[in-house]
Protein backbone atom coordinates (compact mmCIF):
# COMPACT_ATOMS: atom_id res chain seq x y z
CA MET A 1 8.83 30.78 -18.90
CA ALA A 2 10.00 28.49 -16.23
CA ASP A 3 13.43 26.81 -16.15
CA LEU A 4 13.79 23.17 -15.98
CA ARG A 5 15.42 23.52 -13.08
CA ASP A 6 12.30 24.63 -11.44
CA VAL A 7 10.61 21.42 -12.13
CA ALA A 8 9.80 19.53 -8.72
CA VAL A 9 8.91 15.78 -8.05
CA ILE A 10 6.64 15.71 -5.30
CA GLY A 11 4.88 12.22 -5.37
CA CYS A 12 6.09 8.82 -6.36
CA GLY A 13 5.00 5.30 -6.37
CA CYS A 14 5.82 1.96 -7.62
CA THR A 15 4.34 -1.83 -7.79
CA LYS A 16 6.34 -4.92 -6.47
CA PHE A 17 8.66 -5.82 -9.62
CA GLY A 18 8.46 -9.58 -10.72
CA GLU A 19 6.37 -12.24 -12.13
CA ASN A 20 3.30 -10.57 -11.54
CA PHE A 21 0.84 -12.85 -13.21
CA GLU A 22 -1.79 -12.26 -10.57
CA TRP A 23 -1.71 -8.48 -11.67
CA GLY A 24 -2.67 -7.05 -15.21
CA VAL A 25 -1.32 -3.91 -16.82
CA ASP A 26 -4.61 -1.84 -15.13
CA ASP A 27 -3.78 -3.33 -11.63
CA MET A 28 -0.26 -2.19 -11.66
CA LEU A 29 -0.79 1.11 -13.28
CA THR A 30 -3.48 1.74 -10.52
CA MET A 31 -1.21 0.49 -7.81
CA ALA A 32 1.80 2.79 -8.69
CA CYS A 33 -0.18 5.81 -9.82
CA PHE A 34 -2.36 6.16 -7.01
CA GLU A 35 0.57 5.81 -4.54
CA ALA A 36 2.23 8.84 -6.20
CA ILE A 37 -1.05 10.36 -5.99
CA GLU A 38 -1.58 9.96 -2.24
CA ASP A 39 2.28 10.72 -1.91
CA ALA A 40 1.94 13.74 -3.53
CA GLY A 41 -0.82 15.02 -1.55
CA ILE A 42 -3.32 15.58 -4.53
CA GLU A 43 -6.51 14.53 -6.02
CA PRO A 44 -6.49 12.70 -9.21
CA GLY A 45 -8.60 15.63 -10.71
CA GLU A 46 -5.63 17.86 -10.33
CA ILE A 47 -3.63 16.30 -12.91
CA GLN A 48 -3.71 18.12 -15.95
CA ALA A 49 -1.62 15.84 -18.56
CA GLY A 50 -0.12 12.60 -18.55
CA TRP A 51 2.75 10.65 -20.20
CA ILE A 52 3.46 6.90 -20.07
CA GLY A 53 5.98 4.73 -21.20
CA MET A 54 5.33 1.56 -22.90
CA GLN A 55 7.22 -0.61 -25.41
CA TYR A 56 5.29 -3.36 -26.20
CA PRO A 57 1.83 -3.16 -28.09
CA PHE A 58 0.40 -6.18 -25.81
CA THR A 59 1.16 -3.96 -23.04
CA GLY A 60 -0.89 -1.11 -24.45
CA PHE A 61 -1.37 1.16 -27.68
CA SER A 62 -2.18 4.58 -26.39
CA GLY A 63 -2.41 7.24 -23.43
CA ALA A 64 -5.72 5.73 -23.00
CA THR A 65 -3.94 2.63 -21.19
CA LEU A 66 -3.09 5.21 -18.53
CA SER A 67 -6.81 7.00 -18.62
CA ASP A 68 -8.57 3.87 -18.25
CA ALA A 69 -6.47 2.57 -15.45
CA ILE A 70 -6.66 5.55 -13.07
CA LYS A 71 -10.05 6.82 -14.75
CA VAL A 72 -9.26 10.44 -15.37
CA TYR A 73 -10.50 11.24 -18.51
CA ASP A 74 -10.59 14.22 -21.05
CA ILE A 75 -7.02 15.49 -20.33
CA PRO A 76 -3.83 14.77 -22.89
CA ILE A 77 -2.07 11.57 -22.30
CA THR A 78 0.74 10.49 -24.46
CA HIS A 79 1.99 7.13 -25.00
CA VAL A 80 6.16 6.97 -25.40
CA GLU A 81 7.92 4.73 -26.88
CA ASN A 82 11.85 4.86 -26.88
CA TYR A 83 13.31 1.41 -26.43
CA CYS A 84 14.05 0.76 -22.68
CA VAL A 85 14.57 4.65 -22.16
CA SER A 86 10.40 4.87 -22.67
CA GLY A 87 9.78 5.87 -19.11
CA LEU A 88 12.44 8.27 -18.99
CA ASP A 89 11.55 9.76 -22.02
CA ALA A 90 8.04 10.00 -20.54
CA PHE A 91 9.61 11.89 -17.66
CA ARG A 92 11.48 14.12 -19.80
CA ASN A 93 8.23 15.35 -21.76
CA ALA A 94 6.53 15.70 -18.51
CA CYS A 95 9.25 17.92 -17.07
CA LEU A 96 9.21 19.93 -20.31
CA ALA A 97 5.43 20.58 -20.40
CA VAL A 98 5.59 21.61 -16.96
CA ALA A 99 8.67 24.13 -17.42
CA SER A 100 6.88 25.59 -20.42
CA GLU A 101 3.81 26.41 -17.87
CA GLN A 102 1.62 24.92 -20.22
CA TYR A 103 0.84 22.67 -17.09
CA ASP A 104 0.94 22.82 -13.22
CA ILE A 105 0.71 19.29 -12.24
CA VAL A 106 1.29 16.21 -14.35
CA ILE A 107 1.84 12.66 -14.06
CA ALA A 108 4.59 10.51 -15.87
CA CYS A 109 4.21 6.66 -15.33
CA GLY A 110 5.79 3.53 -17.00
CA VAL A 111 4.32 -0.07 -17.05
CA GLU A 112 5.09 -3.24 -18.85
CA LYS A 113 3.49 -6.56 -18.80
CA ILE A 114 5.92 -9.06 -20.31
CA THR A 115 6.09 -12.56 -18.38
CA ASP A 116 2.48 -13.54 -19.78
CA GLN A 117 4.12 -13.94 -23.20
CA GLY A 118 6.00 -16.80 -22.49
CA GLY A 119 9.44 -17.89 -24.15
CA ARG A 120 12.79 -16.71 -22.94
CA GLY A 121 14.30 -13.31 -22.76
CA LEU A 122 12.55 -10.36 -24.19
CA PRO A 123 9.89 -10.91 -27.06
CA THR A 124 11.87 -9.29 -30.36
CA SER A 125 9.63 -10.93 -33.16
CA GLY A 126 9.30 -8.00 -35.48
CA MET A 127 12.10 -5.71 -34.28
CA GLY A 128 14.71 -4.67 -36.68
CA HIS A 129 15.76 -5.85 -40.19
CA PRO A 130 14.98 -9.46 -40.63
CA VAL A 131 18.24 -10.59 -42.09
CA MET A 132 20.72 -8.35 -40.27
CA MET A 133 19.07 -8.47 -36.71
CA ALA A 134 18.40 -12.37 -36.96
CA GLY A 135 19.25 -14.21 -33.83
CA LEU A 136 20.85 -10.96 -32.14
CA THR A 137 19.49 -11.01 -28.45
CA ALA A 138 20.08 -8.45 -25.88
CA PRO A 139 22.62 -10.51 -24.02
CA SER A 140 24.39 -11.76 -26.96
CA ALA A 141 24.67 -7.78 -28.30
CA PHE A 142 25.96 -6.43 -25.14
CA GLY A 143 28.30 -9.32 -24.19
CA LEU A 144 30.42 -8.60 -27.17
CA ALA A 145 31.62 -5.38 -25.22
CA PHE A 146 33.02 -7.76 -22.34
CA THR A 147 35.47 -9.51 -24.74
CA ARG A 148 36.47 -6.16 -26.20
CA HIS A 149 37.07 -4.39 -22.85
CA SER A 150 38.88 -7.68 -21.55
CA LEU A 151 41.20 -7.42 -24.27
CA GLU A 152 41.89 -3.62 -24.03
CA PHE A 153 41.91 -3.28 -20.14
CA GLY A 154 42.24 -6.70 -18.71
CA THR A 155 38.58 -7.02 -17.40
CA THR A 156 37.55 -10.57 -15.94
CA LYS A 157 34.59 -12.39 -15.24
CA GLU A 158 35.36 -11.96 -11.63
CA HIS A 159 34.99 -8.38 -12.09
CA LEU A 160 31.51 -9.04 -13.64
CA ALA A 161 30.56 -11.07 -10.52
CA HIS A 162 31.49 -8.26 -8.16
CA VAL A 163 28.99 -6.20 -9.93
CA ALA A 164 26.45 -8.93 -9.30
CA VAL A 165 27.29 -9.62 -5.77
CA LYS A 166 27.06 -5.97 -5.17
CA ASN A 167 23.90 -5.19 -6.69
CA HIS A 168 22.39 -8.34 -5.02
CA ARG A 169 23.16 -7.25 -1.66
CA ASN A 170 21.65 -4.09 -2.14
CA GLY A 171 18.53 -5.94 -3.75
CA ALA A 172 18.09 -8.45 -1.04
CA ALA A 173 17.29 -5.55 1.64
CA ASN A 174 14.64 -3.66 -1.25
CA PRO A 175 10.77 -5.14 -0.56
CA LYS A 176 10.03 -4.27 -4.12
CA ALA A 177 12.72 -6.08 -6.02
CA HIS A 178 11.99 -8.96 -7.99
CA PHE A 179 15.46 -10.97 -6.78
CA ARG A 180 15.80 -10.51 -3.16
CA ARG A 181 18.43 -12.81 -2.20
CA GLU A 182 22.24 -12.37 -2.04
CA VAL A 183 24.73 -14.29 -4.08
CA THR A 184 28.37 -15.17 -3.91
CA ILE A 185 31.26 -14.72 -6.47
CA GLU A 186 31.26 -18.49 -6.93
CA GLN A 187 27.79 -18.87 -7.60
CA VAL A 188 28.09 -16.22 -10.30
CA LEU A 189 30.92 -17.61 -12.17
CA LYS A 190 29.22 -21.31 -12.12
CA ALA A 191 25.74 -19.95 -13.17
CA PRO A 192 24.71 -21.30 -16.67
CA PRO A 193 25.97 -19.43 -19.53
CA ILE A 194 23.44 -17.36 -21.21
CA ALA A 195 25.41 -15.97 -24.32
CA GLY A 196 29.20 -15.63 -24.65
CA PRO A 197 30.79 -14.55 -21.30
CA LEU A 198 27.51 -13.78 -19.62
CA GLY A 199 25.98 -16.22 -17.22
CA LEU A 200 22.64 -16.34 -15.89
CA LEU A 201 23.58 -14.34 -12.77
CA ASP A 202 25.37 -11.59 -15.09
CA CYS A 203 21.79 -10.92 -16.60
CA CYS A 204 18.63 -8.90 -15.20
CA PRO A 205 15.56 -10.83 -14.97
CA ILE A 206 12.32 -10.39 -17.11
CA SER A 207 9.67 -8.78 -14.99
CA ASP A 208 6.46 -6.86 -15.18
CA GLY A 209 6.06 -3.73 -12.98
CA SER A 210 4.84 -0.04 -13.08
CA ALA A 211 5.95 3.07 -11.37
CA ALA A 212 4.66 6.93 -11.50
CA VAL A 213 5.66 10.29 -10.34
CA ILE A 214 3.78 13.73 -9.89
CA ILE A 215 5.59 16.91 -11.40
CA THR A 216 4.93 20.23 -10.45
CA ARG A 217 6.99 23.66 -10.31
CA LYS A 218 8.98 24.50 -7.28
CA ASP A 219 6.42 27.13 -6.22
CA ILE A 220 3.76 24.91 -6.13
CA ALA A 221 5.81 22.01 -4.75
CA LYS A 222 6.56 24.24 -1.39
CA LYS A 223 2.60 24.17 -0.52
CA LYS A 224 2.38 20.48 -0.93
CA ARG A 225 5.57 19.00 0.96
CA ASP A 226 8.82 20.47 2.50
CA ASP A 227 11.17 17.49 1.07
CA PHE A 228 10.44 17.73 -2.73
CA VAL A 229 13.25 17.28 -5.26
CA THR A 230 13.94 19.29 -8.26
CA ILE A 231 15.86 18.61 -11.70
CA LYS A 232 19.56 19.67 -11.61
CA GLY A 233 20.31 18.32 -15.24
CA MET A 234 18.97 16.38 -17.93
CA GLY A 235 20.33 15.10 -21.03
CA MET A 236 19.07 12.43 -23.82
CA SER A 237 20.78 11.26 -26.92
CA ALA A 238 20.22 8.60 -29.59
CA TYR A 239 22.83 6.85 -31.85
CA THR A 240 22.12 4.31 -34.62
CA ASN A 241 20.14 1.09 -34.74
CA LEU A 242 23.13 -0.47 -36.58
CA MET A 243 25.96 0.25 -34.48
CA MET A 244 27.74 -3.22 -35.10
CA TYR A 245 27.98 -2.23 -38.69
CA ASN A 246 29.85 1.21 -37.84
CA LYS A 247 33.25 0.65 -38.24
CA ASP A 248 33.93 3.49 -35.65
CA PHE A 249 32.54 1.64 -32.89
CA ASP A 250 34.50 -0.21 -30.76
CA TYR A 251 32.54 -1.80 -27.71
CA LEU A 252 34.69 0.47 -25.14
CA ALA A 253 31.98 2.99 -24.45
CA TRP A 254 28.05 3.24 -24.66
CA ARG A 255 28.17 6.61 -27.21
CA PRO A 256 24.63 7.89 -26.01
CA THR A 257 25.58 7.80 -22.62
CA VAL A 258 28.86 9.70 -22.94
CA LYS A 259 26.55 12.43 -24.90
CA ALA A 260 23.77 12.47 -22.75
CA ALA A 261 26.11 12.89 -19.62
CA GLU A 262 28.04 15.76 -21.16
CA ALA A 263 24.66 17.53 -21.85
CA ALA A 264 23.36 16.60 -18.09
CA TYR A 265 26.54 17.64 -16.39
CA LYS A 266 26.96 20.87 -18.42
CA MET A 267 23.15 21.81 -17.35
CA ALA A 268 23.88 20.63 -13.93
CA GLY A 269 27.42 22.30 -13.67
CA ILE A 270 29.02 19.39 -12.57
CA LYS A 271 32.66 18.98 -13.26
CA GLU A 272 33.85 15.95 -10.96
CA PRO A 273 30.76 13.33 -11.23
CA ALA A 274 32.52 10.75 -8.61
CA LYS A 275 32.71 13.86 -6.30
CA GLU A 276 29.33 15.85 -6.63
CA ILE A 277 27.12 13.01 -7.19
CA ASP A 278 25.96 10.65 -4.13
CA LEU A 279 24.26 8.06 -5.72
CA ALA A 280 23.04 6.87 -9.17
CA GLU A 281 20.49 4.42 -10.43
CA CYS A 282 22.69 2.90 -13.45
CA HIS A 283 21.31 0.79 -16.05
CA ASP A 284 22.58 -2.60 -15.29
CA CYS A 285 20.73 -5.00 -17.62
CA PHE A 286 24.20 -6.97 -17.51
CA THR A 287 27.06 -6.79 -15.34
CA ILE A 288 29.26 -5.60 -18.26
CA THR A 289 26.91 -2.96 -19.15
CA GLU A 290 27.42 -1.59 -15.58
CA ILE A 291 30.78 -1.49 -15.81
CA LEU A 292 31.03 0.41 -19.02
CA ASN A 293 28.46 2.97 -17.60
CA VAL A 294 30.34 4.14 -14.48
CA GLU A 295 33.19 4.82 -16.54
CA ASP A 296 31.16 6.85 -19.54
CA LEU A 297 29.77 8.49 -16.64
CA GLY A 298 32.63 9.53 -15.28
CA PHE A 299 32.58 7.66 -12.04
CA CYS A 300 36.02 6.11 -12.91
CA LYS A 301 38.71 6.46 -15.50
CA LYS A 302 38.14 4.41 -18.58
CA GLY A 303 39.08 0.77 -18.00
CA GLU A 304 38.73 1.05 -14.37
CA GLY A 305 35.22 0.00 -13.82
CA GLY A 306 35.90 -3.52 -12.90
CA PRO A 307 38.77 -2.92 -10.19
CA ALA A 308 36.65 0.28 -8.87
CA THR A 309 33.71 -2.30 -8.25
CA VAL A 310 36.04 -4.55 -6.58
CA GLU A 311 37.38 -1.97 -4.12
CA GLY A 312 34.05 -0.98 -3.08
CA ARG A 313 34.15 2.24 -4.68
CA PHE A 314 30.27 2.00 -5.79
CA ASN A 315 28.88 0.33 -2.47
CA ILE A 316 26.17 1.75 -0.89
CA ASP A 317 28.93 3.71 1.44
CA GLY A 318 31.61 4.18 -1.50
CA GLU A 319 32.39 7.54 -3.64
CA VAL A 320 29.13 6.93 -5.76
CA ALA A 321 26.43 4.48 -4.69
CA VAL A 322 25.79 2.97 -7.75
CA ASN A 323 22.14 0.80 -7.65
CA PRO A 324 21.59 1.15 -4.03
CA SER A 325 18.09 -0.37 -4.94
CA GLY A 326 19.45 -3.53 -6.57
CA GLY A 327 19.28 -2.05 -9.99
CA LEU A 328 18.02 -4.02 -12.95
CA LYS A 329 19.87 -6.99 -11.79
CA CYS A 330 17.41 -7.33 -8.85
CA PHE A 331 14.51 -5.40 -9.79
CA GLY A 332 14.02 -6.68 -13.37
CA HIS A 333 13.30 -4.71 -16.19
CA PRO A 334 9.64 -4.31 -17.38
CA ILE A 335 10.79 -1.77 -20.16
CA GLY A 336 8.41 1.09 -19.95
CA ALA A 337 8.59 1.25 -15.95
CA THR A 338 12.22 0.97 -15.53
CA GLY A 339 13.19 4.84 -16.34
CA ILE A 340 10.32 5.85 -13.69
CA ARG A 341 11.35 3.51 -11.18
CA MET A 342 14.79 5.05 -11.18
CA ILE A 343 13.51 8.31 -10.74
CA TYR A 344 11.14 6.70 -7.97
CA GLU A 345 14.37 5.34 -5.82
CA VAL A 346 16.45 8.55 -6.94
CA THR A 347 13.59 10.91 -5.21
CA LYS A 348 13.15 8.48 -2.21
CA GLN A 349 16.84 8.40 -1.61
CA LEU A 350 17.33 12.08 -1.42
CA GLN A 351 14.49 12.31 0.87
CA GLY A 352 16.07 10.06 3.19
CA ARG A 353 13.09 7.17 2.81
CA ALA A 354 14.63 4.46 0.57
CA ASP A 355 12.82 1.29 0.46
CA GLY A 356 16.16 -0.66 1.16
CA MET A 357 19.68 0.49 1.32
CA GLN A 358 19.67 4.27 2.53
CA ARG A 359 22.70 6.36 1.15
CA GLU A 360 23.27 8.40 4.11
CA GLY A 361 23.29 12.38 3.62
CA ALA A 362 22.56 12.09 -0.10
CA LYS A 363 22.02 15.58 -1.77
CA VAL A 364 22.28 14.74 -5.55
CA GLY A 365 21.45 11.50 -7.34
CA LEU A 366 21.14 10.27 -11.21
CA ALA A 367 19.39 8.15 -13.16
CA HIS A 368 20.73 6.73 -15.97
CA ASN A 369 18.59 4.59 -18.62
CA LEU A 370 20.05 2.99 -21.67
CA GLY A 371 18.25 1.36 -24.35
CA GLY A 372 18.36 -0.80 -27.52
CA LEU A 373 20.44 -3.96 -28.48
CA GLY A 374 23.86 -2.39 -27.60
CA GLY A 375 22.89 0.87 -26.15
CA ILE A 376 21.41 3.14 -28.97
CA VAL A 377 19.73 5.50 -26.71
CA CYS A 378 20.16 7.23 -23.25
CA GLY A 379 18.49 9.37 -20.95
CA ILE A 380 20.15 11.04 -17.92
CA VAL A 381 18.27 12.91 -15.13
CA ILE A 382 20.13 14.45 -12.24
CA LEU A 383 17.97 15.33 -9.14
CA THR A 384 18.80 17.23 -5.98
CA ASN A 385 17.23 18.01 -2.85
CA GLU A 386 19.22 21.42 -2.42
CA ASN A 387 16.31 23.35 -3.23
């Protein structure tokens, strides 16, 4: 049986993210998947299995959503739904299948079509307990962490603004990002309020999009291309849907991130993340989320996320380039596509062919995908070009 570290990414594709009113689900899947297939140098008929991440039933119900888009029938295709981690979980399952030698070449993809639904924010009708979850939104849930973090460590709204400025600077250079404009500290601080301490420019946009990757084993990858990347570490953790009712939850850390990082670092043999990881696509659904994430991932000490961002430690040329693509803050968050889009970005960074900002000399990259209202599930994948 092969090892997970023998699993390789040989092709990747991604649509532009944004208000893609002119495209349907099939359109976006077709573009992303065939870009990945062409990038891998394979034919569609070589794909032996597929996994597709989607959260919402109005996007798609089953694996047939993928088979109908790319016209590859009669192979097993699995629909994966795991909150915002749906895409990364699809990738994880695909990697496990290849590592087990059940299949040689597979596809993992994600897609979401949200903007056609209208309304404000993510569609949440029918999600969760009708009383306990009533009125709870993503910005209100994540925004609670700022108040607690501020009281404990002195984190300020200016710290949040520096996250937005950094990610918009990166995203402005990326042709596939939803938002492609830089912002200033003043603009972030004066933006209209959304929920509690979070303003408009502290929140990622609602977007449509799709991304896909082709996965195989190292021995096969060597026959397809020289610059493939491989798995170095992987971890996933799920907590509880009702964190806000847990007396031990203090809003100072996203527990699933901590646990998933422990597993991924153990597998990768990483002891000092800030020194051993060159770049990270980090789940910045809100600016405060990124601050907690960089702490939970060990890129800085607890409480230092805000000051470290201000110091430039997470800039493209900093200690760890965090969200060189612009992150969710600029790409948006079509739920099922985001995790695969992160793998796409990390892969291309490690190959030295990023669409926008390039982290020079990158050898190890991390994709971090957090899901649920307040951080309920997390997936982490560490990739490397050191093969």
